N, C-alpha and C. Protein backbone atom coordinates (compact mmCIF):
# COMPACT_ATOMS: atom_id res chain seq x y z
N UNK A 1 -26.69 -27.11 9.49
CA UNK A 1 -27.78 -27.15 8.56
C UNK A 1 -27.32 -27.88 7.30
N UNK A 2 -28.12 -28.82 6.87
CA UNK A 2 -27.79 -29.60 5.69
C UNK A 2 -28.55 -29.03 4.50
N UNK A 3 -27.86 -28.86 3.38
CA UNK A 3 -28.47 -28.33 2.17
C UNK A 3 -28.45 -29.43 1.12
N UNK A 4 -29.62 -29.78 0.61
CA UNK A 4 -29.73 -30.80 -0.42
C UNK A 4 -30.08 -30.10 -1.73
N UNK A 5 -29.23 -30.22 -2.72
CA UNK A 5 -29.40 -29.51 -3.97
C UNK A 5 -30.02 -30.38 -5.07
N UNK A 6 -30.83 -31.36 -4.68
CA UNK A 6 -31.51 -32.19 -5.68
C UNK A 6 -32.57 -31.38 -6.39
N UNK A 7 -32.77 -31.61 -7.67
CA UNK A 7 -33.72 -30.86 -8.48
C UNK A 7 -35.15 -31.03 -7.97
N UNK A 8 -35.51 -32.19 -7.42
CA UNK A 8 -36.88 -32.42 -6.95
C UNK A 8 -37.21 -31.49 -5.79
N UNK A 9 -36.26 -31.19 -4.96
CA UNK A 9 -36.50 -30.28 -3.83
C UNK A 9 -36.60 -28.83 -4.30
N UNK A 10 -35.91 -28.48 -5.37
CA UNK A 10 -35.91 -27.12 -5.87
C UNK A 10 -37.20 -26.74 -6.56
N UNK A 11 -37.93 -27.69 -7.10
CA UNK A 11 -39.16 -27.37 -7.83
C UNK A 11 -40.19 -26.74 -6.91
N UNK A 12 -40.27 -27.18 -5.66
CA UNK A 12 -41.22 -26.58 -4.70
C UNK A 12 -40.85 -25.15 -4.38
N UNK A 13 -39.59 -24.87 -4.30
CA UNK A 13 -39.13 -23.52 -4.00
C UNK A 13 -39.44 -22.59 -5.16
N UNK A 14 -39.19 -23.05 -6.37
CA UNK A 14 -39.42 -22.24 -7.56
C UNK A 14 -40.91 -21.94 -7.71
N UNK A 15 -41.76 -22.95 -7.50
CA UNK A 15 -43.20 -22.73 -7.66
C UNK A 15 -43.75 -21.85 -6.54
N UNK A 16 -43.15 -21.85 -5.36
CA UNK A 16 -43.64 -21.02 -4.25
C UNK A 16 -43.31 -19.55 -4.45
N UNK A 17 -42.33 -19.26 -5.30
CA UNK A 17 -41.97 -17.87 -5.55
C UNK A 17 -42.98 -17.20 -6.46
N UNK A 18 -43.66 -17.95 -7.24
CA UNK A 18 -44.78 -17.51 -8.06
C UNK A 18 -44.59 -16.21 -8.81
N UNK A 19 -45.14 -15.11 -8.29
CA UNK A 19 -45.20 -13.84 -9.00
C UNK A 19 -43.90 -13.05 -8.98
N UNK A 20 -42.91 -13.49 -8.25
CA UNK A 20 -41.67 -12.72 -8.18
C UNK A 20 -40.94 -12.80 -9.50
N UNK A 21 -40.38 -11.70 -9.93
CA UNK A 21 -39.66 -11.63 -11.20
C UNK A 21 -38.32 -12.34 -11.06
N UNK A 22 -38.03 -13.21 -12.00
CA UNK A 22 -36.77 -13.93 -11.98
C UNK A 22 -35.75 -13.32 -12.93
N UNK A 23 -36.11 -12.26 -13.64
CA UNK A 23 -35.18 -11.68 -14.59
C UNK A 23 -34.17 -10.80 -13.85
N UNK A 24 -32.94 -10.83 -14.28
CA UNK A 24 -31.91 -10.03 -13.62
C UNK A 24 -32.10 -8.55 -13.92
N UNK A 25 -31.55 -7.70 -13.07
CA UNK A 25 -31.62 -6.26 -13.27
C UNK A 25 -30.78 -5.88 -14.48
N UNK A 26 -31.26 -4.93 -15.25
CA UNK A 26 -30.56 -4.49 -16.45
C UNK A 26 -29.77 -3.24 -16.11
N UNK A 27 -28.51 -3.22 -16.50
CA UNK A 27 -27.68 -2.06 -16.22
C UNK A 27 -27.64 -1.15 -17.43
N UNK A 28 -27.22 0.10 -17.22
CA UNK A 28 -27.15 1.08 -18.29
C UNK A 28 -26.04 0.79 -19.29
N UNK A 29 -24.97 0.15 -18.87
CA UNK A 29 -23.85 -0.10 -19.78
C UNK A 29 -24.09 -1.40 -20.54
N UNK A 30 -23.76 -1.40 -21.80
CA UNK A 30 -23.95 -2.60 -22.61
C UNK A 30 -22.77 -3.54 -22.39
N UNK A 31 -23.00 -4.84 -22.53
CA UNK A 31 -21.92 -5.81 -22.28
C UNK A 31 -20.80 -5.73 -23.30
N UNK A 32 -21.04 -5.08 -24.44
CA UNK A 32 -19.99 -5.00 -25.46
C UNK A 32 -18.93 -3.96 -25.11
N UNK A 33 -19.21 -3.06 -24.15
CA UNK A 33 -18.23 -2.06 -23.75
C UNK A 33 -17.17 -2.71 -22.86
N UNK A 34 -15.89 -2.39 -23.06
CA UNK A 34 -14.85 -2.99 -22.22
C UNK A 34 -14.93 -2.45 -20.79
N UNK A 35 -14.64 -3.30 -19.86
CA UNK A 35 -14.64 -2.91 -18.46
C UNK A 35 -13.33 -2.20 -18.13
N UNK A 36 -13.35 -1.34 -17.13
CA UNK A 36 -12.13 -0.63 -16.71
C UNK A 36 -11.12 -1.60 -16.11
N UNK A 37 -9.86 -1.23 -16.19
CA UNK A 37 -8.81 -2.08 -15.64
C UNK A 37 -8.60 -1.77 -14.18
N UNK A 38 -8.29 -2.78 -13.40
CA UNK A 38 -7.93 -2.57 -12.00
C UNK A 38 -6.48 -2.15 -11.92
N UNK A 39 -6.19 -1.19 -11.08
CA UNK A 39 -4.82 -0.73 -10.91
C UNK A 39 -4.49 -0.69 -9.42
N UNK A 40 -3.26 -0.99 -9.12
CA UNK A 40 -2.79 -0.92 -7.73
C UNK A 40 -1.46 -0.18 -7.72
N UNK A 41 -1.34 0.73 -6.78
CA UNK A 41 -0.07 1.44 -6.62
C UNK A 41 0.38 1.28 -5.18
N UNK A 42 1.65 1.02 -5.01
CA UNK A 42 2.21 0.84 -3.68
C UNK A 42 2.90 2.13 -3.27
N UNK A 43 2.71 2.48 -2.04
CA UNK A 43 3.34 3.70 -1.55
C UNK A 43 4.81 3.41 -1.23
N UNK A 44 5.55 4.46 -1.01
CA UNK A 44 6.95 4.32 -0.65
C UNK A 44 7.11 3.67 0.72
N UNK A 45 6.06 3.72 1.53
CA UNK A 45 6.12 3.12 2.87
C UNK A 45 6.33 1.61 2.78
N UNK A 46 5.72 0.98 1.80
CA UNK A 46 5.88 -0.47 1.64
C UNK A 46 7.32 -0.83 1.33
N UNK A 47 7.91 -0.09 0.41
CA UNK A 47 9.31 -0.34 0.04
C UNK A 47 10.22 -0.06 1.22
N UNK A 48 9.94 1.01 1.94
CA UNK A 48 10.73 1.37 3.11
C UNK A 48 10.63 0.27 4.18
N UNK A 49 9.44 -0.26 4.38
CA UNK A 49 9.25 -1.33 5.37
C UNK A 49 10.03 -2.57 4.97
N UNK A 50 10.04 -2.89 3.69
CA UNK A 50 10.80 -4.06 3.23
C UNK A 50 12.29 -3.86 3.46
N UNK A 51 12.79 -2.66 3.19
CA UNK A 51 14.22 -2.38 3.41
C UNK A 51 14.58 -2.50 4.88
N UNK A 52 13.73 -1.97 5.74
CA UNK A 52 14.00 -2.04 7.18
C UNK A 52 13.96 -3.49 7.68
N UNK A 53 13.02 -4.27 7.15
CA UNK A 53 12.94 -5.68 7.54
C UNK A 53 14.19 -6.42 7.12
N UNK A 54 14.66 -6.16 5.93
CA UNK A 54 15.89 -6.82 5.44
C UNK A 54 17.07 -6.46 6.32
N UNK A 55 17.20 -5.17 6.66
CA UNK A 55 18.32 -4.74 7.51
C UNK A 55 18.23 -5.39 8.90
N UNK A 56 17.02 -5.46 9.44
CA UNK A 56 16.85 -6.05 10.77
C UNK A 56 17.22 -7.52 10.78
N UNK A 57 16.90 -8.22 9.71
CA UNK A 57 17.23 -9.65 9.63
C UNK A 57 18.73 -9.89 9.44
N UNK A 58 19.46 -8.89 8.94
CA UNK A 58 20.90 -9.03 8.74
C UNK A 58 21.68 -8.87 10.05
N UNK A 59 21.09 -8.18 11.03
CA UNK A 59 21.76 -7.95 12.31
C UNK A 59 21.76 -9.26 13.09
N UNK A 60 22.91 -9.67 13.61
CA UNK A 60 22.95 -10.92 14.38
C UNK A 60 22.15 -10.79 15.68
N UNK A 61 21.63 -11.91 16.14
CA UNK A 61 20.82 -11.92 17.35
C UNK A 61 21.65 -11.53 18.57
N UNK A 62 22.88 -12.00 18.60
CA UNK A 62 23.79 -11.70 19.71
C UNK A 62 24.90 -10.79 19.17
N UNK A 63 25.05 -9.65 19.80
CA UNK A 63 26.12 -8.74 19.38
C UNK A 63 27.41 -9.18 20.06
N UNK A 64 28.14 -10.00 19.35
CA UNK A 64 29.32 -10.66 19.90
C UNK A 64 30.36 -9.67 20.41
N UNK A 65 30.50 -8.52 19.76
CA UNK A 65 31.49 -7.54 20.20
C UNK A 65 31.16 -7.02 21.60
N UNK A 66 29.88 -6.80 21.89
CA UNK A 66 29.47 -6.34 23.22
C UNK A 66 29.69 -7.44 24.26
N UNK A 67 29.38 -8.67 23.88
CA UNK A 67 29.56 -9.80 24.80
C UNK A 67 31.03 -9.94 25.17
N UNK A 68 31.91 -9.85 24.19
CA UNK A 68 33.34 -9.98 24.44
C UNK A 68 33.85 -8.84 25.32
N UNK A 69 33.37 -7.62 25.11
CA UNK A 69 33.78 -6.48 25.93
C UNK A 69 33.35 -6.67 27.38
N UNK A 70 32.14 -7.18 27.60
CA UNK A 70 31.68 -7.44 28.97
C UNK A 70 32.48 -8.57 29.62
N UNK A 71 32.76 -9.61 28.86
CA UNK A 71 33.57 -10.70 29.40
C UNK A 71 34.94 -10.20 29.85
N UNK A 72 35.56 -9.39 29.02
CA UNK A 72 36.88 -8.86 29.35
C UNK A 72 36.81 -7.96 30.59
N UNK A 73 35.77 -7.13 30.70
CA UNK A 73 35.62 -6.24 31.85
C UNK A 73 35.42 -7.05 33.13
N UNK A 74 34.63 -8.11 33.06
CA UNK A 74 34.41 -8.97 34.23
C UNK A 74 35.70 -9.67 34.62
N UNK A 75 36.41 -10.20 33.63
CA UNK A 75 37.66 -10.93 33.88
C UNK A 75 38.71 -10.01 34.51
N UNK A 76 38.77 -8.76 34.07
CA UNK A 76 39.75 -7.80 34.60
C UNK A 76 39.31 -7.14 35.90
N UNK A 77 38.06 -7.36 36.29
CA UNK A 77 37.56 -6.73 37.51
C UNK A 77 37.10 -5.30 37.29
N UNK A 78 36.95 -4.89 36.06
CA UNK A 78 36.52 -3.53 35.75
C UNK A 78 35.01 -3.36 35.73
N UNK A 79 34.28 -4.44 35.70
CA UNK A 79 32.82 -4.37 35.62
C UNK A 79 32.26 -4.24 37.04
N UNK A 80 31.62 -3.13 37.30
CA UNK A 80 31.07 -2.86 38.64
C UNK A 80 29.56 -2.99 38.60
N UNK A 81 29.04 -3.72 39.56
CA UNK A 81 27.60 -3.90 39.69
C UNK A 81 27.09 -2.98 40.78
N UNK A 82 26.02 -2.24 40.47
CA UNK A 82 25.41 -1.36 41.45
C UNK A 82 24.06 -1.95 41.85
N UNK A 83 23.99 -2.59 43.02
CA UNK A 83 22.75 -3.26 43.46
C UNK A 83 21.54 -2.33 43.47
N UNK A 84 21.72 -1.06 43.82
CA UNK A 84 20.58 -0.15 43.87
C UNK A 84 19.97 0.06 42.48
N UNK A 85 20.81 0.15 41.45
CA UNK A 85 20.29 0.31 40.08
C UNK A 85 19.56 -0.95 39.62
N UNK A 86 20.09 -2.10 40.00
CA UNK A 86 19.44 -3.36 39.64
C UNK A 86 18.08 -3.46 40.32
N UNK A 87 18.03 -3.14 41.60
CA UNK A 87 16.77 -3.20 42.34
C UNK A 87 15.75 -2.22 41.76
N UNK A 88 16.19 -1.02 41.43
CA UNK A 88 15.31 -0.01 40.85
C UNK A 88 14.74 -0.49 39.51
N UNK A 89 15.58 -1.07 38.68
CA UNK A 89 15.14 -1.58 37.38
C UNK A 89 14.15 -2.73 37.54
N UNK A 90 14.36 -3.58 38.56
CA UNK A 90 13.45 -4.70 38.80
C UNK A 90 12.08 -4.18 39.25
N UNK A 91 12.07 -3.16 40.06
CA UNK A 91 10.80 -2.59 40.53
C UNK A 91 10.06 -1.94 39.36
N UNK A 92 10.76 -1.20 38.53
CA UNK A 92 10.12 -0.57 37.37
C UNK A 92 9.60 -1.59 36.38
N UNK A 93 10.31 -2.68 36.23
CA UNK A 93 9.90 -3.74 35.32
C UNK A 93 8.61 -4.42 35.79
N UNK A 94 8.44 -4.53 37.10
CA UNK A 94 7.27 -5.21 37.64
C UNK A 94 6.00 -4.35 37.59
N UNK A 95 6.17 -3.05 37.42
CA UNK A 95 5.00 -2.16 37.42
C UNK A 95 4.28 -2.17 36.12
């Protein structure tokens, strides 16, 4: 929809409104009275969430100590694979 805001088009709209009152509603408070101030308070949850986010970002994506321990276990032959546990986990993952 295209809106044309030329004054010539608006004159027809204004004249068609005819008897409708164009004066704004008057409120009980006078304009000389100061308006109330807006206030915002943050809960402790926001601060807690920021702290947790910061801690999470500090943790490395790869826990190198765990990777090295697994590598050493595989190299020494100490790491045992249980096919039944792997199969069970795969089935549960697919459900």
